[in-house]
Amino acid sequence: MRAVSRFFNKILPQINFILALVLLALFVTDRFNRAMSFLANEYTKWILFVFCLTVILQSLLAIMRSCRRRPKK
């Protein structure tokens, strides 16, 4: 279980960073060229869905990590 947790702790920030950059690029491109309609595209919706899931998972892992490190009274 710790190996899986360590793997996700290493890989999730990189995945989230890449997905955030992709979504920002699509957003900026969509603002300048509305005819391309990236934000109405089915692929963009799936990228946003995966991004949301990975952010939720990364947040849960960070919460679990902080609870483990907190000294018990």
N, C-alpha and C. Protein backbone atom coordinates (compact mmCIF):
# COMPACT_ATOMS: atom_id res chain seq x y z
N MET A 1 0.82 -1.20 0.00
CA MET A 1 0.00 0.00 0.00
C MET A 1 0.87 1.27 0.00
N ARG A 2 1.97 1.22 0.74
CA ARG A 2 2.84 2.40 0.78
C ARG A 2 3.49 2.66 -0.57
N ALA A 3 3.81 1.59 -1.30
CA ALA A 3 4.42 1.77 -2.62
C ALA A 3 3.45 2.45 -3.57
N VAL A 4 2.18 2.06 -3.50
CA VAL A 4 1.15 2.69 -4.35
C VAL A 4 0.98 4.15 -3.94
N SER A 5 0.96 4.41 -2.65
CA SER A 5 0.81 5.78 -2.16
C SER A 5 1.99 6.64 -2.59
N ARG A 6 3.20 6.10 -2.48
CA ARG A 6 4.39 6.85 -2.91
C ARG A 6 4.34 7.12 -4.40
N PHE A 7 3.88 6.13 -5.18
CA PHE A 7 3.78 6.30 -6.63
C PHE A 7 2.83 7.45 -6.96
N PHE A 8 1.65 7.44 -6.33
CA PHE A 8 0.68 8.51 -6.60
C PHE A 8 1.17 9.86 -6.10
N ASN A 9 1.87 9.87 -4.97
CA ASN A 9 2.40 11.13 -4.47
C ASN A 9 3.43 11.73 -5.42
N LYS A 10 4.14 10.88 -6.15
CA LYS A 10 5.14 11.38 -7.11
C LYS A 10 4.51 11.77 -8.44
N ILE A 11 3.56 10.97 -8.93
CA ILE A 11 3.07 11.15 -10.29
C ILE A 11 1.89 12.13 -10.39
N LEU A 12 1.04 12.22 -9.37
CA LEU A 12 -0.15 13.07 -9.46
C LEU A 12 0.16 14.55 -9.65
N PRO A 13 1.15 15.12 -8.94
CA PRO A 13 1.42 16.54 -9.20
C PRO A 13 1.84 16.82 -10.65
N GLN A 14 2.62 15.92 -11.24
CA GLN A 14 3.03 16.11 -12.64
C GLN A 14 1.83 16.00 -13.58
N ILE A 15 0.98 15.02 -13.34
CA ILE A 15 -0.21 14.85 -14.18
C ILE A 15 -1.10 16.08 -14.08
N ASN A 16 -1.32 16.57 -12.86
CA ASN A 16 -2.17 17.75 -12.67
C ASN A 16 -1.57 18.98 -13.31
N PHE A 17 -0.26 19.13 -13.22
CA PHE A 17 0.41 20.27 -13.84
C PHE A 17 0.23 20.24 -15.36
N ILE A 18 0.43 19.08 -15.96
CA ILE A 18 0.30 18.94 -17.42
C ILE A 18 -1.14 19.20 -17.86
N LEU A 19 -2.10 18.60 -17.15
CA LEU A 19 -3.50 18.80 -17.52
C LEU A 19 -3.92 20.25 -17.34
N ALA A 20 -3.43 20.91 -16.31
CA ALA A 20 -3.75 22.32 -16.11
C ALA A 20 -3.19 23.17 -17.25
N LEU A 21 -1.96 22.88 -17.68
CA LEU A 21 -1.39 23.62 -18.81
C LEU A 21 -2.17 23.39 -20.09
N VAL A 22 -2.59 22.16 -20.33
CA VAL A 22 -3.39 21.86 -21.52
C VAL A 22 -4.71 22.62 -21.48
N LEU A 23 -5.38 22.60 -20.34
CA LEU A 23 -6.66 23.30 -20.23
C LEU A 23 -6.49 24.82 -20.37
N LEU A 24 -5.41 25.37 -19.81
CA LEU A 24 -5.16 26.80 -19.98
C LEU A 24 -4.89 27.14 -21.44
N ALA A 25 -4.12 26.32 -22.12
CA ALA A 25 -3.85 26.56 -23.54
C ALA A 25 -5.14 26.50 -24.37
N LEU A 26 -5.99 25.52 -24.06
CA LEU A 26 -7.26 25.43 -24.78
C LEU A 26 -8.15 26.63 -24.48
N PHE A 27 -8.14 27.09 -23.24
CA PHE A 27 -8.94 28.25 -22.86
C PHE A 27 -8.48 29.50 -23.61
N VAL A 28 -7.17 29.74 -23.62
CA VAL A 28 -6.64 30.93 -24.29
C VAL A 28 -6.91 30.85 -25.79
N THR A 29 -6.69 29.68 -26.38
CA THR A 29 -6.95 29.52 -27.81
C THR A 29 -8.43 29.72 -28.12
N ASP A 30 -9.28 29.24 -27.26
CA ASP A 30 -10.72 29.39 -27.45
C ASP A 30 -11.14 30.85 -27.35
N ARG A 31 -10.48 31.63 -26.50
CA ARG A 31 -10.81 33.06 -26.36
C ARG A 31 -10.43 33.83 -27.63
N PHE A 32 -9.31 33.47 -28.24
CA PHE A 32 -8.85 34.20 -29.43
C PHE A 32 -9.53 33.72 -30.71
N ASN A 33 -9.91 32.46 -30.77
CA ASN A 33 -10.53 31.92 -31.97
C ASN A 33 -11.77 31.13 -31.56
N ARG A 34 -12.87 31.82 -31.42
CA ARG A 34 -14.10 31.18 -30.94
C ARG A 34 -14.65 30.15 -31.93
N ALA A 35 -14.26 30.22 -33.18
CA ALA A 35 -14.77 29.27 -34.18
C ALA A 35 -14.26 27.86 -33.91
N MET A 36 -13.13 27.73 -33.23
CA MET A 36 -12.59 26.41 -32.94
C MET A 36 -13.38 25.72 -31.83
N SER A 37 -14.00 26.46 -30.97
CA SER A 37 -14.84 26.00 -29.85
C SER A 37 -14.24 24.80 -29.13
N PHE A 38 -13.05 24.99 -28.59
CA PHE A 38 -12.39 23.93 -27.84
C PHE A 38 -13.16 23.54 -26.58
N LEU A 39 -13.75 24.51 -25.92
CA LEU A 39 -14.41 24.22 -24.66
C LEU A 39 -15.75 23.52 -24.85
N ALA A 40 -16.24 23.46 -26.06
CA ALA A 40 -17.46 22.71 -26.35
C ALA A 40 -17.12 21.33 -26.92
N ASN A 41 -15.83 21.06 -27.06
CA ASN A 41 -15.34 19.82 -27.65
C ASN A 41 -15.46 18.67 -26.64
N GLU A 42 -15.75 17.49 -27.12
CA GLU A 42 -15.90 16.32 -26.24
C GLU A 42 -14.56 15.93 -25.60
N TYR A 43 -13.46 16.07 -26.32
CA TYR A 43 -12.14 15.75 -25.76
C TYR A 43 -11.80 16.66 -24.58
N THR A 44 -12.12 17.93 -24.71
CA THR A 44 -11.84 18.87 -23.64
C THR A 44 -12.64 18.54 -22.39
N LYS A 45 -13.86 18.10 -22.58
CA LYS A 45 -14.67 17.71 -21.43
C LYS A 45 -14.06 16.52 -20.71
N TRP A 46 -13.50 15.57 -21.44
CA TRP A 46 -12.85 14.41 -20.82
C TRP A 46 -11.55 14.81 -20.13
N ILE A 47 -10.79 15.72 -20.72
CA ILE A 47 -9.58 16.21 -20.08
C ILE A 47 -9.93 16.90 -18.76
N LEU A 48 -10.97 17.70 -18.78
CA LEU A 48 -11.41 18.38 -17.56
C LEU A 48 -11.88 17.38 -16.51
N PHE A 49 -12.57 16.34 -16.93
CA PHE A 49 -13.04 15.29 -16.02
C PHE A 49 -11.86 14.58 -15.36
N VAL A 50 -10.86 14.18 -16.15
CA VAL A 50 -9.68 13.50 -15.61
C VAL A 50 -8.91 14.44 -14.69
N PHE A 51 -8.80 15.70 -15.07
CA PHE A 51 -8.12 16.67 -14.23
C PHE A 51 -8.81 16.79 -12.87
N CYS A 52 -10.12 16.88 -12.87
CA CYS A 52 -10.85 16.99 -11.61
C CYS A 52 -10.64 15.75 -10.74
N LEU A 53 -10.67 14.57 -11.34
CA LEU A 53 -10.46 13.34 -10.57
C LEU A 53 -9.07 13.28 -9.97
N THR A 54 -8.05 13.65 -10.74
CA THR A 54 -6.69 13.59 -10.22
C THR A 54 -6.45 14.63 -9.13
N VAL A 55 -7.08 15.80 -9.25
CA VAL A 55 -6.94 16.82 -8.22
C VAL A 55 -7.62 16.34 -6.93
N ILE A 56 -8.77 15.71 -7.04
CA ILE A 56 -9.46 15.16 -5.87
C ILE A 56 -8.60 14.09 -5.21
N LEU A 57 -8.03 13.20 -5.99
CA LEU A 57 -7.18 12.14 -5.45
C LEU A 57 -5.94 12.72 -4.79
N GLN A 58 -5.30 13.68 -5.43
CA GLN A 58 -4.12 14.31 -4.85
C GLN A 58 -4.47 15.03 -3.55
N SER A 59 -5.61 15.67 -3.50
CA SER A 59 -6.03 16.35 -2.28
C SER A 59 -6.29 15.37 -1.15
N LEU A 60 -6.94 14.26 -1.45
CA LEU A 60 -7.19 13.25 -0.43
C LEU A 60 -5.88 12.67 0.11
N LEU A 61 -4.93 12.42 -0.77
CA LEU A 61 -3.64 11.91 -0.32
C LEU A 61 -2.91 12.93 0.55
N ALA A 62 -3.00 14.19 0.21
CA ALA A 62 -2.36 15.23 1.02
C ALA A 62 -3.02 15.33 2.39
N ILE A 63 -4.33 15.18 2.45
CA ILE A 63 -5.05 15.21 3.72
C ILE A 63 -4.65 14.01 4.58
N MET A 64 -4.58 12.85 3.97
CA MET A 64 -4.18 11.65 4.71
C MET A 64 -2.75 11.79 5.23
N ARG A 65 -1.87 12.34 4.42
CA ARG A 65 -0.49 12.53 4.82
C ARG A 65 -0.39 13.50 6.00
N SER A 66 -1.16 14.57 5.97
CA SER A 66 -1.10 15.55 7.06
C SER A 66 -1.69 14.97 8.34
N CYS A 67 -2.67 14.11 8.24
CA CYS A 67 -3.23 13.47 9.44
C CYS A 67 -2.24 12.50 10.05
N ARG A 68 -1.47 11.82 9.26
CA ARG A 68 -0.47 10.87 9.76
C ARG A 68 0.68 11.59 10.44
N ARG A 69 1.04 12.76 9.96
CA ARG A 69 2.19 13.49 10.50
C ARG A 69 1.84 14.27 11.77
N ARG A 70 0.56 14.53 11.99
CA ARG A 70 0.13 15.32 13.13
C ARG A 70 0.37 14.51 14.41
N PRO A 71 1.03 15.09 15.39
CA PRO A 71 1.25 14.35 16.65
C PRO A 71 -0.06 14.15 17.40
N LYS A 72 -0.22 12.97 17.93
CA LYS A 72 -1.46 12.66 18.66
C LYS A 72 -1.33 13.13 20.10
N LYS A 73 -2.43 13.68 20.61
CA LYS A 73 -2.43 14.21 21.98
C LYS A 73 -3.07 13.24 22.94
